[in-house]
Protein backbone atom coordinates (compact mmCIF):
# COMPACT_ATOMS: atom_id res chain seq x y z
CA MET A 1 108.03 108.92 135.75
CA HIS A 2 108.46 109.27 131.98
CA ASP A 3 108.06 112.64 130.30
CA THR A 4 104.81 113.10 128.38
CA LEU A 5 105.92 113.53 124.79
CA ILE A 6 102.49 113.14 123.21
CA GLU A 7 99.67 115.43 124.37
CA GLN A 8 96.17 114.01 123.92
CA ALA A 9 92.77 115.67 123.86
CA GLN A 10 89.35 114.63 122.66
CA ALA A 11 86.42 116.76 121.50
CA GLY A 12 83.37 114.72 120.60
CA ALA A 13 84.52 111.80 118.44
CA VAL A 14 87.79 113.49 117.37
CA ARG A 15 91.00 112.74 119.27
CA THR A 16 94.00 115.01 118.79
CA LEU A 17 97.54 113.73 119.30
CA ARG A 18 100.17 116.46 119.54
CA LEU A 19 103.91 115.90 119.42
CA ALA A 20 105.17 117.76 122.48
CA ARG A 21 108.86 118.60 122.17
CA PRO A 22 108.45 122.16 120.89
CA ALA A 23 111.89 123.35 121.99
CA GLN A 24 113.43 120.59 119.82
CA LEU A 25 110.96 121.22 116.96
CA ASN A 26 109.32 117.91 117.93
CA ALA A 27 112.35 115.88 116.85
CA CYS A 28 111.77 112.15 117.32
CA THR A 29 113.41 110.26 120.13
CA CYS A 30 112.82 106.58 120.58
CA ALA A 31 110.69 107.38 123.62
CA LEU A 32 108.51 109.75 121.59
CA LEU A 33 108.05 107.12 118.87
CA VAL A 34 106.96 104.55 121.42
CA GLN A 35 104.50 106.95 123.05
CA LEU A 36 103.05 107.95 119.68
CA ARG A 37 102.57 104.34 118.64
CA GLU A 38 100.88 103.62 121.96
CA ALA A 39 98.63 106.68 121.49
CA PHE A 40 97.56 105.43 118.06
CA GLU A 41 96.89 101.96 119.43
CA ALA A 42 94.83 103.41 122.31
CA ALA A 43 92.77 105.51 119.87
CA ALA A 44 92.25 102.46 117.67
CA ALA A 45 90.91 100.49 120.66
CA ASP A 46 88.59 103.26 121.87
CA ALA A 47 85.11 103.02 120.33
CA THR A 48 84.43 106.69 121.09
CA VAL A 49 87.14 107.79 118.61
CA ARG A 50 86.00 108.20 115.01
CA CYS A 51 88.78 110.43 113.69
CA VAL A 52 92.32 111.27 114.80
CA VAL A 53 94.25 114.50 114.22
CA LEU A 54 98.04 114.47 114.44
CA SER A 55 99.78 117.80 115.01
CA GLY A 56 102.93 119.32 116.47
CA ALA A 57 103.33 121.74 119.36
CA GLY A 58 105.10 125.05 118.77
CA ARG A 59 106.39 126.23 115.42
CA ALA A 60 107.14 122.87 113.77
CA PHE A 61 105.28 119.71 112.96
CA CYS A 62 108.30 117.37 113.29
CA VAL A 63 111.89 117.72 112.03
CA GLY A 64 112.48 113.97 112.03
CA GLN A 65 114.91 111.94 114.08
CA ASP A 66 116.69 113.69 116.95
CA LEU A 67 120.30 113.01 116.00
CA LYS A 68 121.41 113.56 119.60
CA ASP A 69 119.43 110.51 120.72
CA PRO A 70 122.06 108.06 122.08
CA LEU A 71 120.64 105.21 120.04
CA VAL A 72 121.47 106.96 116.77
CA ALA A 73 124.23 109.50 117.53
CA PRO A 74 127.64 108.45 116.16
CA ALA A 75 130.41 108.27 118.79
CA PHE A 76 132.58 111.08 117.35
CA ASP A 77 134.89 111.08 120.41
CA ASP A 78 135.59 107.35 120.25
CA PRO A 79 136.99 106.15 116.89
CA ALA A 80 136.96 102.56 118.16
CA ALA A 81 133.25 102.59 118.93
CA PRO A 82 131.14 100.47 116.54
CA PRO A 83 128.78 102.40 114.21
CA LYS A 84 125.13 102.68 115.15
CA ASP A 85 122.80 100.12 113.61
CA MET A 86 120.23 102.49 112.09
CA GLY A 87 118.33 99.55 110.62
CA HIS A 88 117.74 98.25 114.13
CA VAL A 89 116.32 101.62 115.23
CA VAL A 90 114.05 101.77 112.19
CA ALA A 91 112.88 98.17 112.70
CA GLN A 92 112.25 98.58 116.43
CA TYR A 93 110.67 102.03 116.50
CA TYR A 94 109.68 103.45 113.11
CA VAL A 95 108.25 100.30 111.50
CA PRO A 96 105.82 99.54 114.35
CA LEU A 97 104.69 103.18 114.34
CA ALA A 98 104.17 103.25 110.56
CA ARG A 99 102.20 100.05 110.74
CA ALA A 100 100.04 101.26 113.59
CA LEU A 101 99.23 104.43 111.66
CA ARG A 102 98.40 102.54 108.45
CA ALA A 103 96.17 100.10 110.33
CA MET A 104 94.04 102.73 112.08
CA PRO A 105 90.34 101.81 111.94
CA VAL A 106 89.41 105.50 111.61
CA PRO A 107 90.64 108.29 109.30
CA VAL A 108 93.74 110.23 110.39
CA ILE A 109 94.46 113.85 109.50
CA ALA A 110 97.90 115.44 109.69
CA ALA A 111 97.71 119.12 110.66
CA VAL A 112 101.11 120.41 109.54
CA ASN A 113 101.73 123.73 111.23
CA GLY A 114 105.42 124.14 110.33
CA VAL A 115 108.34 122.21 108.93
CA ALA A 116 107.92 118.47 108.42
CA ALA A 117 111.32 116.99 107.66
CA GLY A 118 112.78 113.52 107.31
CA ALA A 119 110.74 110.97 109.23
CA GLY A 120 108.46 113.84 110.24
CA ALA A 121 107.51 114.28 106.60
CA SER A 122 106.99 110.53 106.22
CA LEU A 123 104.82 110.52 109.32
CA ALA A 124 102.62 113.32 107.98
CA LEU A 125 102.34 111.76 104.52
CA GLY A 126 101.36 108.44 106.09
CA CYS A 127 98.14 110.00 107.33
CA ASP A 128 94.99 109.81 105.23
CA LEU A 129 94.64 113.55 104.64
CA VAL A 130 97.35 116.20 105.08
CA VAL A 131 96.36 119.82 105.67
CA ALA A 132 99.28 122.24 105.91
CA ALA A 133 99.56 125.86 106.93
CA GLU A 134 100.86 128.12 104.19
CA GLY A 135 104.05 128.71 106.16
CA ALA A 136 104.73 124.99 106.49
CA SER A 137 107.22 123.03 104.38
CA PHE A 138 108.26 119.47 103.63
CA ILE A 139 111.87 118.33 103.40
CA GLN A 140 113.20 114.90 102.48
CA ALA A 141 116.36 115.42 104.51
CA PHE A 142 117.68 111.84 104.53
CA ALA A 143 120.20 112.09 101.68
CA LYS A 144 121.89 115.06 103.36
CA ILE A 145 123.03 112.79 106.20
CA GLY A 146 123.71 109.70 104.13
CA LEU A 147 120.45 107.87 104.83
CA ILE A 148 117.39 106.73 102.86
CA PRO A 149 113.71 107.72 103.39
CA ASP A 150 112.20 105.67 106.18
CA CYS A 151 109.00 105.46 108.25
CA GLY A 152 107.32 104.45 104.97
CA GLY A 153 108.75 107.36 102.98
CA SER A 154 110.25 105.31 100.14
CA TRP A 155 106.88 103.58 99.63
CA LEU A 156 104.73 106.69 99.98
CA LEU A 157 106.56 109.27 97.87
CA PRO A 158 106.39 107.64 94.41
CA ARG A 159 102.78 106.67 94.99
CA LEU A 160 101.86 110.24 95.85
CA VAL A 161 103.78 112.18 93.20
CA GLY A 162 105.31 109.64 90.77
CA ARG A 163 108.84 108.26 90.50
CA ALA A 164 110.50 111.28 88.90
CA LYS A 165 109.23 113.82 91.41
CA ALA A 166 109.79 111.42 94.32
CA LEU A 167 113.44 111.00 93.35
CA GLU A 168 113.86 114.74 92.94
CA LEU A 169 112.55 115.35 96.43
CA ALA A 170 114.54 112.49 97.99
CA LEU A 171 117.86 112.96 96.20
CA LEU A 172 118.10 116.74 96.36
CA GLY A 173 116.45 117.23 99.75
CA ASP A 174 115.25 120.73 98.90
CA LYS A 175 112.56 122.47 100.94
CA LEU A 176 109.10 122.12 99.40
CA ALA A 177 106.64 124.86 100.34
CA ALA A 178 103.18 123.76 101.41
CA ARG A 179 101.51 125.56 98.51
CA GLU A 180 103.72 123.67 96.02
CA ALA A 181 103.10 120.41 97.91
CA GLU A 182 99.39 120.93 97.33
CA ARG A 183 99.94 121.77 93.64
CA ILE A 184 101.81 118.55 92.92
CA GLY A 185 99.35 116.40 94.84
CA LEU A 186 101.62 115.54 97.76
CA ILE A 187 99.09 116.83 100.29
CA HIS A 188 95.35 117.40 100.46
CA ARG A 189 95.26 121.13 101.09
CA CYS A 190 97.29 124.23 101.99
CA VAL A 191 95.51 126.93 103.99
CA PRO A 192 96.44 130.29 105.55
CA ASP A 193 98.29 129.80 108.82
CA ALA A 194 95.54 131.37 110.91
CA GLU A 195 92.92 129.05 109.42
CA LEU A 196 94.68 125.72 109.98
CA GLY A 197 92.90 124.85 113.24
CA THR A 198 89.46 125.79 111.92
CA VAL A 199 89.85 123.93 108.63
CA VAL A 200 91.21 120.79 110.30
CA GLY A 201 88.48 120.90 112.94
CA GLU A 202 85.73 121.10 110.31
CA LEU A 203 87.31 118.34 108.25
CA ALA A 204 87.73 116.07 111.27
CA ALA A 205 84.11 116.59 112.31
CA ARG A 206 82.97 115.74 108.79
CA LEU A 207 85.01 112.55 108.71
CA ALA A 208 83.93 111.52 112.22
CA ALA A 209 80.27 111.82 111.16
CA GLY A 210 80.85 109.57 108.16
CA SER A 211 81.07 105.81 107.81
CA VAL A 212 84.56 105.45 109.25
CA ARG A 213 84.59 101.67 108.78
CA ALA A 214 84.03 102.15 105.04
CA MET A 215 86.72 104.87 104.97
CA ALA A 216 89.30 102.61 106.60
CA GLU A 217 88.40 99.82 104.19
CA THR A 218 88.72 102.21 101.26
CA ARG A 219 92.25 103.07 102.41
CA ARG A 220 93.12 99.37 102.66
CA LEU A 221 91.80 98.65 99.18
CA MET A 222 93.67 101.58 97.61
CA ASP A 223 96.91 100.48 99.25
CA ALA A 224 96.36 96.87 98.10
CA GLY A 225 95.49 98.09 94.62
CA GLN A 226 99.07 99.37 94.21
CA LEU A 227 100.37 95.83 94.52
CA VAL A 228 97.93 93.69 92.53
CA ASP A 229 96.64 93.54 88.96
CA PHE A 230 93.26 94.87 87.88
CA ASP A 231 91.42 91.56 88.08
CA ARG A 232 92.68 90.94 91.61
CA GLY A 233 91.64 94.47 92.52
CA LEU A 234 88.11 93.68 91.33
CA GLU A 235 88.05 90.54 93.46
CA LEU A 236 89.12 92.50 96.53
CA GLU A 237 86.31 94.99 95.89
CA VAL A 238 83.76 92.18 95.70
CA THR A 239 84.84 90.79 99.08
CA ALA A 240 84.97 94.20 100.75
CA GLN A 241 81.64 95.30 99.32
CA SER A 242 80.00 92.08 100.45
CA GLN A 243 81.18 92.71 103.99
CA ALA A 244 80.13 96.37 103.87
CA GLY A 245 76.66 95.45 102.71
CA PHE A 246 76.04 93.36 105.82
CA ARG A 247 76.89 96.20 108.18
CA ALA A 248 74.48 98.60 109.87
CA ASP A 249 76.04 101.62 108.14
CA TYR A 250 74.77 100.48 104.74
CA ALA A 251 71.16 100.12 105.93
CA GLU A 252 71.39 103.44 107.77
CA GLY A 253 72.89 105.19 104.76
CA VAL A 254 70.14 104.01 102.45
CA ALA A 255 67.41 104.84 104.99
CA ALA A 256 68.83 108.35 105.43
CA PHE A 257 68.96 108.82 101.65
CA VAL A 258 65.34 107.75 101.27
CA ASP A 259 64.23 109.89 104.23
CA LYS A 260 66.28 112.88 102.96
CA ARG A 261 68.08 113.27 106.31
CA ALA A 262 71.65 113.15 107.56
CA PRO A 263 72.81 109.58 108.27
CA ARG A 264 73.80 108.47 111.77
CA PHE A 265 76.59 106.00 111.16
CA THR A 266 77.70 103.74 114.02
CA ASP A 267 79.99 101.09 112.54
CA ARG A 268 83.64 101.28 113.35
């Protein structure tokens, strides 16, 4: 029987996925990455889920790759051993996870309770909204071990904070406090440690009650907009808006507006 490395719970339409290696500060092993991808895919396939919260057990969110994992650990005691193919590990484990997260049909919130370093930072920043406790921090630790940002980090960072700041974070690898991360626009919000669960819970409930299909489509359009010119962006909006207009959520939203009541969205 495999160890359970991802704890799952659901309250109403909100599913929480919690990285569960607290003694190792939720460092990523290949097994954890597979289980997390499968958890995202299961949530995506479950019509009862309208929002997902990703968090870490214990005092950290995720410190990135576990460097003791046999698939990545250099063979220090055997000079003749071939070097590890880190690209293979990224392609087989991190890329499928990053894609599964980006393709979620519902909004995803990262609840960052402690340090988020390396791929752990990339994982958090890949979520739609990041709420961090005041005692949390973000570290682009890759350069300190001779690697480059992965799990989508090299794509995400300049889009979130611009090229100059992204390079500062990635090249120097200094710790970035959650409050400063909020100030520079890297994350959605920084809150007092004791309020993290309450704030995330309220935000998740609000998102789950909204038109999650439209939210997921908004994410897709904003990502696509980074890669196309303005005219193509307008064309993509026309197509997406046409599709949205045929859905039940649009009719319900307008009816609720006219009736001066809260909408009851059902599309997913």
